[in-house]
């Protein structure tokens, strides 16, 4: 993933600068990311970045889980969305709800769908 270049054009010939460097997920540039949630147990940052794997601009929600006693960062997670209008908190909640939803057995006409396949 790459930071998007937000500076002015240089006025020189050639293609304008599009990216401003790679993102280091271990230590993000907090000047580029905006802090959306600052709670005692977590911090959520978000920004528009370019994802090379998707070949498009995406919105990233970067979550730092904090230790409640010391306040030090104990875990970092990165969530990606192609919808730019979503807030970082909403990206996080949708990602977690998609992760937690487990497919359940479906009963069709009183018969177990899994036992019919066997």
PDB file of N, CA and C in Angstrom:
ATOM      1  N   UNK A   1       0.843  -1.170   0.000  1.00  0.00           N
ATOM      2  CA  UNK A   1       0.000   0.000   0.000  1.00  0.00           C
ATOM      3  C   UNK A   1       0.893   1.239   0.000  1.00  0.00           C
ATOM      4  N   UNK A   2       0.388   2.285  -0.627  1.00  0.00           N
ATOM      5  CA  UNK A   2       1.149   3.517  -0.784  1.00  0.00           C
ATOM      6  C   UNK A   2       0.318   4.718  -0.320  1.00  0.00           C
ATOM      7  N   UNK A   3       1.008   5.708   0.263  1.00  0.00           N
ATOM      8  CA  UNK A   3       0.363   6.978   0.572  1.00  0.00           C
ATOM      9  C   UNK A   3       0.085   7.710  -0.735  1.00  0.00           C
ATOM     10  N   UNK A   4      -1.041   8.394  -0.824  1.00  0.00           N
ATOM     11  CA  UNK A   4      -1.337   9.221  -1.988  1.00  0.00           C
ATOM     12  C   UNK A   4      -0.644  10.572  -1.829  1.00  0.00           C
ATOM     13  N   UNK A   5      -0.128  11.104  -2.918  1.00  0.00           N
ATOM     14  CA  UNK A   5       0.545  12.401  -2.892  1.00  0.00           C
ATOM     15  C   UNK A   5      -0.503  13.503  -2.816  1.00  0.00           C
ATOM     16  N   UNK A   6      -0.380  14.370  -1.811  1.00  0.00           N
ATOM     17  CA  UNK A   6      -1.359  15.443  -1.621  1.00  0.00           C
ATOM     18  C   UNK A   6      -0.770  16.828  -1.843  1.00  0.00           C
ATOM     19  N   UNK A   7       0.448  16.893  -2.315  1.00  0.00           N
ATOM     20  CA  UNK A   7       1.094  18.187  -2.527  1.00  0.00           C
ATOM     21  C   UNK A   7       0.682  18.825  -3.838  1.00  0.00           C
ATOM     22  N   UNK A   8       1.223  20.012  -4.082  1.00  0.00           N
ATOM     23  CA  UNK A   8       0.920  20.727  -5.320  1.00  0.00           C
ATOM     24  C   UNK A   8       1.782  20.186  -6.455  1.00  0.00           C
ATOM     25  N   UNK A   9       1.372  20.497  -7.671  1.00  0.00           N
ATOM     26  CA  UNK A   9       2.156  20.121  -8.839  1.00  0.00           C
ATOM     27  C   UNK A   9       3.436  20.946  -8.857  1.00  0.00           C
ATOM     28  N   UNK A  10       4.495  20.356  -9.390  1.00  0.00           N
ATOM     29  CA  UNK A  10       5.791  21.034  -9.381  1.00  0.00           C
ATOM     30  C   UNK A  10       5.928  22.052 -10.502  1.00  0.00           C
ATOM     31  N   UNK A  11       5.127  21.922 -11.545  1.00  0.00           N
ATOM     32  CA  UNK A  11       5.231  22.837 -12.668  1.00  0.00           C
ATOM     33  C   UNK A  11       6.260  22.379 -13.679  1.00  0.00           C
ATOM     34  N   UNK A  12       6.897  21.263 -13.427  1.00  0.00           N
ATOM     35  CA  UNK A  12       7.881  20.721 -14.364  1.00  0.00           C
ATOM     36  C   UNK A  12       7.202  19.784 -15.348  1.00  0.00           C
ATOM     37  N   UNK A  13       7.924  19.462 -16.410  1.00  0.00           N
ATOM     38  CA  UNK A  13       7.378  18.558 -17.412  1.00  0.00           C
ATOM     39  C   UNK A  13       7.328  17.135 -16.867  1.00  0.00           C
ATOM     40  N   UNK A  14       6.463  16.328 -17.487  1.00  0.00           N
ATOM     41  CA  UNK A  14       6.386  14.925 -17.109  1.00  0.00           C
ATOM     42  C   UNK A  14       5.128  14.612 -16.319  1.00  0.00           C
ATOM     43  N   UNK A  15       5.016  13.349 -16.007  1.00  0.00           N
ATOM     44  CA  UNK A  15       3.838  12.880 -15.278  1.00  0.00           C
ATOM     45  C   UNK A  15       3.868  13.396 -13.840  1.00  0.00           C
ATOM     46  N   UNK A  16       2.720  13.870 -13.335  1.00  0.00           N
ATOM     47  CA  UNK A  16       2.682  14.345 -11.951  1.00  0.00           C
ATOM     48  C   UNK A  16       2.873  13.197 -10.958  1.00  0.00           C
ATOM     49  N   UNK A  17       3.398  13.509  -9.800  1.00  0.00           N
ATOM     50  CA  UNK A  17       3.626  12.526  -8.754  1.00  0.00           C
ATOM     51  C   UNK A  17       2.274  12.051  -8.220  1.00  0.00           C
ATOM     52  N   UNK A  18       2.115  10.730  -8.074  1.00  0.00           N
ATOM     53  CA  UNK A  18       0.845  10.160  -7.637  1.00  0.00           C
ATOM     54  C   UNK A  18       0.964   9.573  -6.230  1.00  0.00           C
ATOM     55  N   UNK A  19       2.077   8.892  -5.939  1.00  0.00           N
ATOM     56  CA  UNK A  19       2.246   8.230  -4.649  1.00  0.00           C
ATOM     57  C   UNK A  19       3.365   8.895  -3.870  1.00  0.00           C
ATOM     58  N   UNK A  20       3.260   8.809  -2.551  1.00  0.00           N
ATOM     59  CA  UNK A  20       4.216   9.498  -1.696  1.00  0.00           C
ATOM     60  C   UNK A  20       5.029   8.539  -0.842  1.00  0.00           C
ATOM     61  N   UNK A  21       5.104   7.273  -1.201  1.00  0.00           N
ATOM     62  CA  UNK A  21       5.910   6.314  -0.460  1.00  0.00           C
ATOM     63  C   UNK A  21       5.073   5.167   0.071  1.00  0.00           C
ATOM     64  N   UNK A  22       5.762   4.101   0.460  1.00  0.00           N
ATOM     65  CA  UNK A  22       5.093   2.914   0.979  1.00  0.00           C
ATOM     66  C   UNK A  22       4.655   3.119   2.421  1.00  0.00           C
ATOM     67  N   UNK A  23       3.617   2.381   2.803  1.00  0.00           N
ATOM     68  CA  UNK A  23       3.114   2.431   4.178  1.00  0.00           C
ATOM     69  C   UNK A  23       3.788   1.326   4.975  1.00  0.00           C
ATOM     70  N   UNK A  24       4.396   1.693   6.083  1.00  0.00           N
ATOM     71  CA  UNK A  24       4.950   0.725   7.022  1.00  0.00           C
ATOM     72  C   UNK A  24       3.879   0.477   8.079  1.00  0.00           C
ATOM     73  N   UNK A  25       3.285  -0.715   8.066  1.00  0.00           N
ATOM     74  CA  UNK A  25       2.177  -1.000   8.982  1.00  0.00           C
ATOM     75  C   UNK A  25       2.620  -1.121  10.436  1.00  0.00           C
ATOM     76  N   UNK A  26       3.907  -1.301  10.671  1.00  0.00           N
ATOM     77  CA  UNK A  26       4.393  -1.353  12.048  1.00  0.00           C
ATOM     78  C   UNK A  26       4.453   0.038  12.670  1.00  0.00           C
ATOM     79  N   UNK A  27       4.650   1.039  11.824  1.00  0.00           N
ATOM     80  CA  UNK A  27       4.716   2.420  12.303  1.00  0.00           C
ATOM     81  C   UNK A  27       4.138   3.326  11.226  1.00  0.00           C
ATOM     82  N   UNK A  28       2.853   3.680  11.349  1.00  0.00           N
ATOM     83  CA  UNK A  28       2.201   4.486  10.326  1.00  0.00           C
ATOM     84  C   UNK A  28       2.533   5.965  10.522  1.00  0.00           C
ATOM     85  N   UNK A  29       2.370   6.728   9.470  1.00  0.00           N
ATOM     86  CA  UNK A  29       2.587   8.166   9.511  1.00  0.00           C
ATOM     87  C   UNK A  29       1.306   8.814  10.038  1.00  0.00           C
ATOM     88  N   UNK A  30       1.300   9.207  11.299  1.00  0.00           N
ATOM     89  CA  UNK A  30       0.085   9.763  11.903  1.00  0.00           C
ATOM     90  C   UNK A  30      -0.249  11.142  11.352  1.00  0.00           C
ATOM     91  N   UNK A  31       0.682  11.789  10.657  1.00  0.00           N
ATOM     92  CA  UNK A  31       0.379  13.065  10.014  1.00  0.00           C
ATOM     93  C   UNK A  31      -0.534  12.849   8.813  1.00  0.00           C
ATOM     94  N   UNK A  32      -0.441  11.697   8.185  1.00  0.00           N
ATOM     95  CA  UNK A  32      -1.269  11.400   7.025  1.00  0.00           C
ATOM     96  C   UNK A  32      -2.618  10.816   7.443  1.00  0.00           C
ATOM     97  N   UNK A  33      -2.635   9.946   8.445  1.00  0.00           N
ATOM     98  CA  UNK A  33      -3.866   9.322   8.928  1.00  0.00           C
ATOM     99  C   UNK A  33      -4.600  10.278   9.856  1.00  0.00           C
ATOM    100  N   UNK A  34      -5.944  10.194   9.862  1.00  0.00           N
ATOM    101  CA  UNK A  34      -6.737  11.000  10.782  1.00  0.00           C
ATOM    102  C   UNK A  34      -7.217  10.115  11.926  1.00  0.00           C
ATOM    103  N   UNK A  35      -7.121  10.628  13.134  1.00  0.00           N
ATOM    104  CA  UNK A  35      -7.563   9.903  14.322  1.00  0.00           C
ATOM    105  C   UNK A  35      -9.076  10.041  14.431  1.00  0.00           C
ATOM    106  N   UNK A  36      -9.795   8.925  14.359  1.00  0.00           N
ATOM    107  CA  UNK A  36     -11.257   8.944  14.418  1.00  0.00           C
ATOM    108  C   UNK A  36     -11.783   8.581  15.790  1.00  0.00           C
ATOM    109  N   UNK A  37     -11.163   7.604  16.444  1.00  0.00           N
ATOM    110  CA  UNK A  37     -11.618   7.167  17.764  1.00  0.00           C
ATOM    111  C   UNK A  37     -10.410   7.100  18.675  1.00  0.00           C
ATOM    112  N   UNK A  38     -10.520   7.730  19.848  1.00  0.00           N
ATOM    113  CA  UNK A  38      -9.460   7.674  20.851  1.00  0.00           C
ATOM    114  C   UNK A  38     -10.095   7.285  22.178  1.00  0.00           C
ATOM    115  N   UNK A  39     -10.098   5.997  22.459  1.00  0.00           N
ATOM    116  CA  UNK A  39     -10.688   5.454  23.684  1.00  0.00           C
ATOM    117  C   UNK A  39      -9.571   4.850  24.526  1.00  0.00           C
ATOM    118  N   UNK A  40      -9.835   4.565  25.793  1.00  0.00           N
ATOM    119  CA  UNK A  40      -8.787   3.981  26.641  1.00  0.00           C
ATOM    120  C   UNK A  40      -8.311   2.606  26.171  1.00  0.00           C
ATOM    121  N   UNK A  41      -9.143   1.868  25.424  1.00  0.00           N
ATOM    122  CA  UNK A  41      -8.754   0.524  25.011  1.00  0.00           C
ATOM    123  C   UNK A  41      -8.371   0.420  23.532  1.00  0.00           C
ATOM    124  N   UNK A  42      -8.662   1.456  22.713  1.00  0.00           N
ATOM    125  CA  UNK A  42      -8.290   1.381  21.299  1.00  0.00           C
ATOM    126  C   UNK A  42      -8.232   2.768  20.673  1.00  0.00           C
ATOM    127  N   UNK A  43      -7.446   2.835  19.578  1.00  0.00           N
ATOM    128  CA  UNK A  43      -7.369   4.024  18.735  1.00  0.00           C
ATOM    129  C   UNK A  43      -7.626   3.580  17.309  1.00  0.00           C
ATOM    130  N   UNK A  44      -8.436   4.349  16.569  1.00  0.00           N
ATOM    131  CA  UNK A  44      -8.724   4.027  15.177  1.00  0.00           C
ATOM    132  C   UNK A  44      -8.307   5.207  14.304  1.00  0.00           C
ATOM    133  N   UNK A  45      -7.412   4.929  13.355  1.00  0.00           N
ATOM    134  CA  UNK A  45      -6.972   5.909  12.381  1.00  0.00           C
ATOM    135  C   UNK A  45      -7.525   5.503  11.016  1.00  0.00           C
ATOM    136  N   UNK A  46      -7.774   6.476  10.137  1.00  0.00           N
ATOM    137  CA  UNK A  46      -8.236   6.141   8.789  1.00  0.00           C
ATOM    138  C   UNK A  46      -7.600   7.090   7.779  1.00  0.00           C
ATOM    139  N   UNK A  47      -7.489   6.588   6.533  1.00  0.00           N
ATOM    140  CA  UNK A  47      -6.916   7.391   5.449  1.00  0.00           C
ATOM    141  C   UNK A  47      -7.248   6.739   4.120  1.00  0.00           C
ATOM    142  N   UNK A  48      -7.184   7.539   3.068  1.00  0.00           N
ATOM    143  CA  UNK A  48      -7.293   7.014   1.708  1.00  0.00           C
ATOM    144  C   UNK A  48      -5.885   6.702   1.222  1.00  0.00           C
ATOM    145  N   UNK A  49      -5.688   5.474   0.761  1.00  0.00           N
ATOM    146  CA  UNK A  49      -4.384   5.029   0.276  1.00  0.00           C
ATOM    147  C   UNK A  49      -4.576   4.249  -1.017  1.00  0.00           C
ATOM    148  N   UNK A  50      -3.469   3.994  -1.713  1.00  0.00           N
ATOM    149  CA  UNK A  50      -3.522   3.186  -2.924  1.00  0.00           C
ATOM    150  C   UNK A  50      -3.077   1.778  -2.577  1.00  0.00           C
ATOM    151  N   UNK A  51      -3.939   0.792  -2.880  1.00  0.00           N
ATOM    152  CA  UNK A  51      -3.613  -0.612  -2.646  1.00  0.00           C
ATOM    153  C   UNK A  51      -3.161  -1.226  -3.965  1.00  0.00           C
ATOM    154  N   UNK A  52      -1.916  -1.653  -4.015  1.00  0.00           N
ATOM    155  CA  UNK A  52      -1.351  -2.188  -5.245  1.00  0.00           C
ATOM    156  C   UNK A  52      -2.030  -3.500  -5.631  1.00  0.00           C
ATOM    157  N   UNK A  53      -2.392  -4.311  -4.653  1.00  0.00           N
ATOM    158  CA  UNK A  53      -3.041  -5.587  -4.935  1.00  0.00           C
ATOM    159  C   UNK A  53      -4.414  -5.429  -5.552  1.00  0.00           C
ATOM    160  N   UNK A  54      -5.145  -4.395  -5.147  1.00  0.00           N
ATOM    161  CA  UNK A  54      -6.473  -4.117  -5.709  1.00  0.00           C
ATOM    162  C   UNK A  54      -6.408  -3.237  -6.943  1.00  0.00           C
ATOM    163  N   UNK A  55      -5.257  -2.599  -7.166  1.00  0.00           N
ATOM    164  CA  UNK A  55      -5.057  -1.652  -8.262  1.00  0.00           C
ATOM    165  C   UNK A  55      -6.067  -0.514  -8.213  1.00  0.00           C
ATOM    166  N   UNK A  56      -6.300   0.003  -7.008  1.00  0.00           N
ATOM    167  CA  UNK A  56      -7.245   1.107  -6.831  1.00  0.00           C
ATOM    168  C   UNK A  56      -7.027   1.768  -5.482  1.00  0.00           C
ATOM    169  N   UNK A  57      -7.655   2.929  -5.328  1.00  0.00           N
ATOM    170  CA  UNK A  57      -7.614   3.648  -4.065  1.00  0.00           C
ATOM    171  C   UNK A  57      -8.636   3.036  -3.110  1.00  0.00           C
ATOM    172  N   UNK A  58      -8.234   2.834  -1.866  1.00  0.00           N
ATOM    173  CA  UNK A  58      -9.110   2.238  -0.853  1.00  0.00           C
ATOM    174  C   UNK A  58      -9.044   3.073   0.423  1.00  0.00           C
ATOM    175  N   UNK A  59     -10.008   2.860   1.302  1.00  0.00           N
ATOM    176  CA  UNK A  59      -9.994   3.494   2.618  1.00  0.00           C
ATOM    177  C   UNK A  59      -9.511   2.471   3.625  1.00  0.00           C
ATOM    178  N   UNK A  60      -8.549   2.859   4.436  1.00  0.00           N
ATOM    179  CA  UNK A  60      -7.947   1.963   5.411  1.00  0.00           C
ATOM    180  C   UNK A  60      -8.322   2.424   6.812  1.00  0.00           C
ATOM    181  N   UNK A  61      -8.745   1.472   7.646  1.00  0.00           N
ATOM    182  CA  UNK A  61      -8.962   1.730   9.075  1.00  0.00           C
ATOM    183  C   UNK A  61      -7.868   0.968   9.813  1.00  0.00           C
ATOM    184  N   UNK A  62      -7.028   1.685  10.511  1.00  0.00           N
ATOM    185  CA  UNK A  62      -5.908   1.109  11.240  1.00  0.00           C
ATOM    186  C   UNK A  62      -6.240   1.163  12.719  1.00  0.00           C
ATOM    187  N   UNK A  63      -6.305  -0.003  13.375  1.00  0.00           N
ATOM    188  CA  UNK A  63      -6.745  -0.099  14.760  1.00  0.00           C
ATOM    189  C   UNK A  63      -5.565  -0.481  15.638  1.00  0.00           C
ATOM    190  N   UNK A  64      -5.338   0.306  16.684  1.00  0.00           N
ATOM    191  CA  UNK A  64      -4.335  -0.017  17.696  1.00  0.00           C
ATOM    192  C   UNK A  64      -5.065  -0.384  18.978  1.00  0.00           C
ATOM    193  N   UNK A  65      -4.919  -1.630  19.419  1.00  0.00           N
ATOM    194  CA  UNK A  65      -5.497  -2.061  20.685  1.00  0.00           C
ATOM    195  C   UNK A  65      -4.521  -1.705  21.796  1.00  0.00           C
ATOM    196  N   UNK A  66      -5.029  -1.065  22.837  1.00  0.00           N
ATOM    197  CA  UNK A  66      -4.174  -0.585  23.920  1.00  0.00           C
ATOM    198  C   UNK A  66      -4.376  -1.413  25.186  1.00  0.00           C
ATOM    199  N   UNK A  67      -3.321  -1.526  25.956  1.00  0.00           N
ATOM    200  CA  UNK A  67      -3.412  -2.156  27.268  1.00  0.00           C
ATOM    201  C   UNK A  67      -4.107  -1.178  28.196  1.00  0.00           C
ATOM    202  N   UNK A  68      -5.153  -1.638  28.879  1.00  0.00           N
ATOM    203  CA  UNK A  68      -5.962  -0.720  29.699  1.00  0.00           C
ATOM    204  C   UNK A  68      -5.209  -0.197  30.910  1.00  0.00           C
ATOM    205  N   UNK A  69      -4.226  -0.931  31.397  1.00  0.00           N
ATOM    206  CA  UNK A  69      -3.493  -0.493  32.583  1.00  0.00           C
ATOM    207  C   UNK A  69      -2.357   0.465  32.245  1.00  0.00           C
ATOM    208  N   UNK A  70      -1.543   0.113  31.243  1.00  0.00           N
ATOM    209  CA  UNK A  70      -0.370   0.930  30.941  1.00  0.00           C
ATOM    210  C   UNK A  70      -0.597   1.904  29.792  1.00  0.00           C
ATOM    211  N   UNK A  71      -1.525   1.601  28.894  1.00  0.00           N
ATOM    212  CA  UNK A  71      -1.777   2.459  27.756  1.00  0.00           C
ATOM    213  C   UNK A  71      -0.864   2.202  26.577  1.00  0.00           C
ATOM    214  N   UNK A  72      -0.020   1.167  26.655  1.00  0.00           N
ATOM    215  CA  UNK A  72       0.875   0.821  25.555  1.00  0.00           C
ATOM    216  C   UNK A  72       0.121   0.018  24.501  1.00  0.00           C
ATOM    217  N   UNK A  73       0.584   0.107  23.265  1.00  0.00           N
ATOM    218  CA  UNK A  73      -0.029  -0.621  22.153  1.00  0.00           C
ATOM    219  C   UNK A  73       0.319  -2.099  22.289  1.00  0.00           C
ATOM    220  N   UNK A  74      -0.707  -2.959  22.309  1.00  0.00           N
ATOM    221  CA  UNK A  74      -0.450  -4.393  22.411  1.00  0.00           C
ATOM    222  C   UNK A  74      -0.767  -5.142  21.115  1.00  0.00           C
ATOM    223  N   UNK A  75      -1.580  -4.532  20.217  1.00  0.00           N
ATOM    224  CA  UNK A  75      -1.958  -5.200  18.982  1.00  0.00           C
ATOM    225  C   UNK A  75      -2.310  -4.146  17.936  1.00  0.00           C
ATOM    226  N   UNK A  76      -1.997  -4.451  16.655  1.00  0.00           N
ATOM    227  CA  UNK A  76      -2.339  -3.554  15.552  1.00  0.00           C
ATOM    228  C   UNK A  76      -3.037  -4.356  14.476  1.00  0.00           C
ATOM    229  N   UNK A  77      -4.099  -3.781  13.898  1.00  0.00           N
ATOM    230  CA  UNK A  77      -4.845  -4.429  12.833  1.00  0.00           C
ATOM    231  C   UNK A  77      -5.155  -3.407  11.751  1.00  0.00           C
ATOM    232  N   UNK A  78      -5.265  -3.888  10.515  1.00  0.00           N
ATOM    233  CA  UNK A  78      -5.542  -3.026   9.375  1.00  0.00           C
ATOM    234  C   UNK A  78      -6.749  -3.582   8.624  1.00  0.00           C
ATOM    235  N   UNK A  79      -7.788  -2.760   8.430  1.00  0.00           N
ATOM    236  CA  UNK A  79      -8.991  -3.161   7.721  1.00  0.00           C
ATOM    237  C   UNK A  79      -9.150  -2.268   6.497  1.00  0.00           C
ATOM    238  N   UNK A  80      -9.578  -2.860   5.379  1.00  0.00           N
ATOM    239  CA  UNK A  80      -9.652  -2.153   4.099  1.00  0.00           C
ATOM    240  C   UNK A  80     -11.082  -2.143   3.590  1.00  0.00           C
ATOM    241  N   UNK A  81     -11.516  -1.008   3.009  1.00  0.00           N
ATOM    242  CA  UNK A  81     -12.829  -0.895   2.397  1.00  0.00           C
ATOM    243  C   UNK A  81     -12.702  -0.102   1.101  1.00  0.00           C
ATOM    244  N   UNK A  82     -13.504  -0.477   0.105  1.00  0.00           N
ATOM    245  CA  UNK A  82     -13.506   0.270  -1.152  1.00  0.00           C
ATOM    246  C   UNK A  82     -14.516   1.403  -1.127  1.00  0.00           C
ATOM    247  N   UNK A  83     -15.314   1.495  -0.071  1.00  0.00           N
ATOM    248  CA  UNK A  83     -16.287   2.575   0.087  1.00  0.00           C
ATOM    249  C   UNK A  83     -15.626   3.716   0.848  1.00  0.00           C
ATOM    250  N   UNK A  84     -15.422   4.861   0.175  1.00  0.00           N
ATOM    251  CA  UNK A  84     -14.732   5.992   0.788  1.00  0.00           C
ATOM    252  C   UNK A  84     -15.571   6.711   1.836  1.00  0.00           C
ATOM    253  N   UNK A  85     -16.898   6.567   1.782  1.00  0.00           N
ATOM    254  CA  UNK A  85     -17.776   7.301   2.687  1.00  0.00           C
ATOM    255  C   UNK A  85     -17.837   6.696   4.091  1.00  0.00           C
ATOM    256  N   UNK A  86     -17.397   5.448   4.242  1.00  0.00           N
ATOM    257  CA  UNK A  86     -17.478   4.795   5.548  1.00  0.00           C
ATOM    258  C   UNK A  86     -16.473   5.390   6.522  1.00  0.00           C
ATOM    259  N   UNK A  87     -16.882   5.499   7.772  1.00  0.00           N
ATOM    260  CA  UNK A  87     -15.974   5.904   8.828  1.00  0.00           C
ATOM    261  C   UNK A  87     -15.162   4.696   9.276  1.00  0.00           C
ATOM    262  N   UNK A  88     -14.033   4.950   9.921  1.00  0.00           N
ATOM    263  CA  UNK A  88     -13.171   3.864  10.375  1.00  0.00           C
ATOM    264  C   UNK A  88     -13.867   2.934  11.348  1.00  0.00           C
ATOM    265  N   UNK A  89     -14.697   3.476  12.234  1.00  0.00           N
ATOM    266  CA  UNK A  89     -15.433   2.662  13.204  1.00  0.00           C
ATOM    267  C   UNK A  89     -16.405   1.722  12.489  1.00  0.00           C
ATOM    268  N   UNK A  90     -17.050   2.197  11.433  1.00  0.00           N
ATOM    269  CA  UNK A  90     -18.001   1.375  10.683  1.00  0.00           C
ATOM    270  C   UNK A  90     -17.285   0.287   9.874  1.00  0.00           C
ATOM    271  N   UNK A  91     -16.117   0.600   9.336  1.00  0.00           N
ATOM    272  CA  UNK A  91     -15.324  -0.411   8.631  1.00  0.00           C
ATOM    273  C   UNK A  91     -14.956  -1.528   9.596  1.00  0.00           C
ATOM    274  N   UNK A  92     -14.548  -1.158  10.800  1.00  0.00           N
ATOM    275  CA  UNK A  92     -14.176  -2.139  11.813  1.00  0.00           C
ATOM    276  C   UNK A  92     -15.357  -3.008  12.204  1.00  0.00           C
ATOM    277  N   UNK A  93     -16.523  -2.406  12.438  1.00  0.00           N
ATOM    278  CA  UNK A  93     -17.688  -3.188  12.865  1.00  0.00           C
ATOM    279  C   UNK A  93     -18.164  -4.124  11.761  1.00  0.00           C
ATOM    280  N   UNK A  94     -18.128  -3.677  10.505  1.00  0.00           N
ATOM    281  CA  UNK A  94     -18.536  -4.554   9.403  1.00  0.00           C
ATOM    282  C   UNK A  94     -17.557  -5.704   9.205  1.00  0.00           C
ATOM    283  N   UNK A  95     -16.281  -5.427   9.356  1.00  0.00           N
ATOM    284  CA  UNK A  95     -15.278  -6.486   9.190  1.00  0.00           C
ATOM    285  C   UNK A  95     -15.413  -7.522  10.297  1.00  0.00           C
ATOM    286  N   UNK A  96     -15.631  -7.079  11.514  1.00  0.00           N
ATOM    287  CA  UNK A  96     -15.762  -8.026  12.621  1.00  0.00           C
ATOM    288  C   UNK A  96     -17.054  -8.822  12.526  1.00  0.00           C
ATOM    289  N   UNK A  97     -18.144  -8.200  12.071  1.00  0.00           N
ATOM    290  CA  UNK A  97     -19.398  -8.948  11.940  1.00  0.00           C
ATOM    291  C   UNK A  97     -19.298  -9.970  10.816  1.00  0.00           C
ATOM    292  N   UNK A  98     -18.556  -9.663   9.756  1.00  0.00           N
ATOM    293  CA  UNK A  98     -18.366 -10.625   8.672  1.00  0.00           C
ATOM    294  C   UNK A  98     -17.468 -11.768   9.123  1.00  0.00           C
ATOM    295  N   UNK A  99     -16.509 -11.477   9.986  1.00  0.00           N
ATOM    296  CA  UNK A  99     -15.597 -12.491  10.477  1.00  0.00           C
ATOM    297  C   UNK A  99     -16.289 -13.434  11.465  1.00  0.00           C
ATOM    298  N   UNK A 100     -17.194 -12.901  12.265  1.00  0.00           N
ATOM    299  CA  UNK A 100     -17.836 -13.694  13.309  1.00  0.00           C
ATOM    300  C   UNK A 100     -18.978 -14.542  12.759  1.00  0.00           C
ATOM    301  N   UNK A 101     -19.638 -14.105  11.683  1.00  0.00           N
ATOM    302  CA  UNK A 101     -20.779 -14.863  11.178  1.00  0.00           C
ATOM    303  C   UNK A 101     -20.311 -16.206  10.631  1.00  0.00           C
ATOM    304  N   UNK A 102     -20.801 -17.261  11.242  1.00  0.00           N
ATOM    305  CA  UNK A 102     -20.430 -18.621  10.879  1.00  0.00           C
ATOM    306  C   UNK A 102     -21.611 -19.238  10.149  1.00  0.00           C
ATOM    307  N   UNK A 103     -21.373 -19.888   9.000  1.00  0.00           N
ATOM    308  CA  UNK A 103     -22.494 -20.525   8.305  1.00  0.00           C
ATOM    309  C   UNK A 103     -23.122 -21.609   9.177  1.00  0.00           C
ATOM    310  N   UNK A 104     -24.411 -21.573   9.262  1.00  0.00           N
ATOM    311  CA  UNK A 104     -25.129 -22.540  10.094  1.00  0.00           C
ATOM    312  C   UNK A 104     -25.788 -23.588   9.213  1.00  0.00           C
ATOM    313  N   UNK A 105     -26.144 -24.693   9.809  1.00  0.00           N
ATOM    314  CA  UNK A 105     -26.856 -25.743   9.080  1.00  0.00           C
ATOM    315  C   UNK A 105     -28.251 -25.245   8.734  1.00  0.00           C
ATOM    316  N   UNK A 106     -28.655 -25.488   7.527  1.00  0.00           N
ATOM    317  CA  UNK A 106     -29.982 -25.063   7.097  1.00  0.00           C
ATOM    318  C   UNK A 106     -30.881 -26.281   6.995  1.00  0.00           C
ATOM    319  N   UNK A 107     -32.075 -26.146   7.529  1.00  0.00           N
ATOM    320  CA  UNK A 107     -33.040 -27.228   7.460  1.00  0.00           C
ATOM    321  C   UNK A 107     -34.026 -26.919   6.342  1.00  0.00           C
ATOM    322  N   UNK A 108     -34.158 -27.860   5.378  1.00  0.00           N
ATOM    323  CA  UNK A 108     -35.063 -27.679   4.252  1.00  0.00           C
ATOM    324  C   UNK A 108     -36.086 -28.800   4.305  1.00  0.00           C
ATOM    325  N   UNK A 109     -37.354 -28.438   4.402  1.00  0.00           N
ATOM    326  CA  UNK A 109     -38.462 -29.396   4.453  1.00  0.00           C
ATOM    327  C   UNK A 109     -38.269 -30.440   5.553  1.00  0.00           C
ATOM    328  N   UNK A 110     -37.740 -30.017   6.677  1.00  0.00           N
ATOM    329  CA  UNK A 110     -37.595 -30.931   7.800  1.00  0.00           C
ATOM    330  C   UNK A 110     -36.391 -31.837   7.700  1.00  0.00           C
ATOM    331  N   UNK A 111     -35.616 -31.758   6.641  1.00  0.00           N
ATOM    332  CA  UNK A 111     -34.429 -32.600   6.489  1.00  0.00           C
ATOM    333  C   UNK A 111     -33.190 -31.741   6.661  1.00  0.00           C
ATOM    334  N   UNK A 112     -32.162 -32.309   7.243  1.00  0.00           N
ATOM    335  CA  UNK A 112     -30.917 -31.594   7.407  1.00  0.00           C
ATOM    336  C   UNK A 112     -30.208 -31.545   6.063  1.00  0.00           C
ATOM    337  N   UNK A 113     -29.835 -30.339   5.599  1.00  0.00           N
ATOM    338  CA  UNK A 113     -29.219 -30.193   4.279  1.00  0.00           C
ATOM    339  C   UNK A 113     -27.864 -30.875   4.207  1.00  0.00           C
ATOM    340  N   UNK A 114     -27.143 -30.947   5.303  1.00  0.00           N
ATOM    341  CA  UNK A 114     -25.834 -31.589   5.278  1.00  0.00           C
ATOM    342  C   UNK A 114     -25.959 -33.110   5.216  1.00  0.00           C
ATOM    343  N   UNK A 115     -26.974 -33.676   5.867  1.00  0.00           N
ATOM    344  CA  UNK A 115     -27.099 -35.148   5.857  1.00  0.00           C
ATOM    345  C   UNK A 115     -27.561 -35.651   4.496  1.00  0.00           C
ATOM    346  N   UNK A 116     -28.278 -34.851   3.695  1.00  0.00           N
ATOM    347  CA  UNK A 116     -28.702 -35.281   2.359  1.00  0.00           C
ATOM    348  C   UNK A 116     -27.521 -35.372   1.399  1.00  0.00           C
ATOM    349  N   UNK A 117     -26.503 -34.559   1.628  1.00  0.00           N
ATOM    350  CA  UNK A 117     -25.361 -34.557   0.727  1.00  0.00           C
ATOM    351  C   UNK A 117     -24.477 -35.794   0.925  1.00  0.00           C
ATOM    352  N   UNK A 118     -24.581 -36.432   2.066  1.00  0.00           N
ATOM    353  CA  UNK A 118     -23.721 -37.591   2.364  1.00  0.00           C
ATOM    354  C   UNK A 118     -24.147 -38.842   1.692  1.00  0.00           C
TER     355      UNK A 118
END
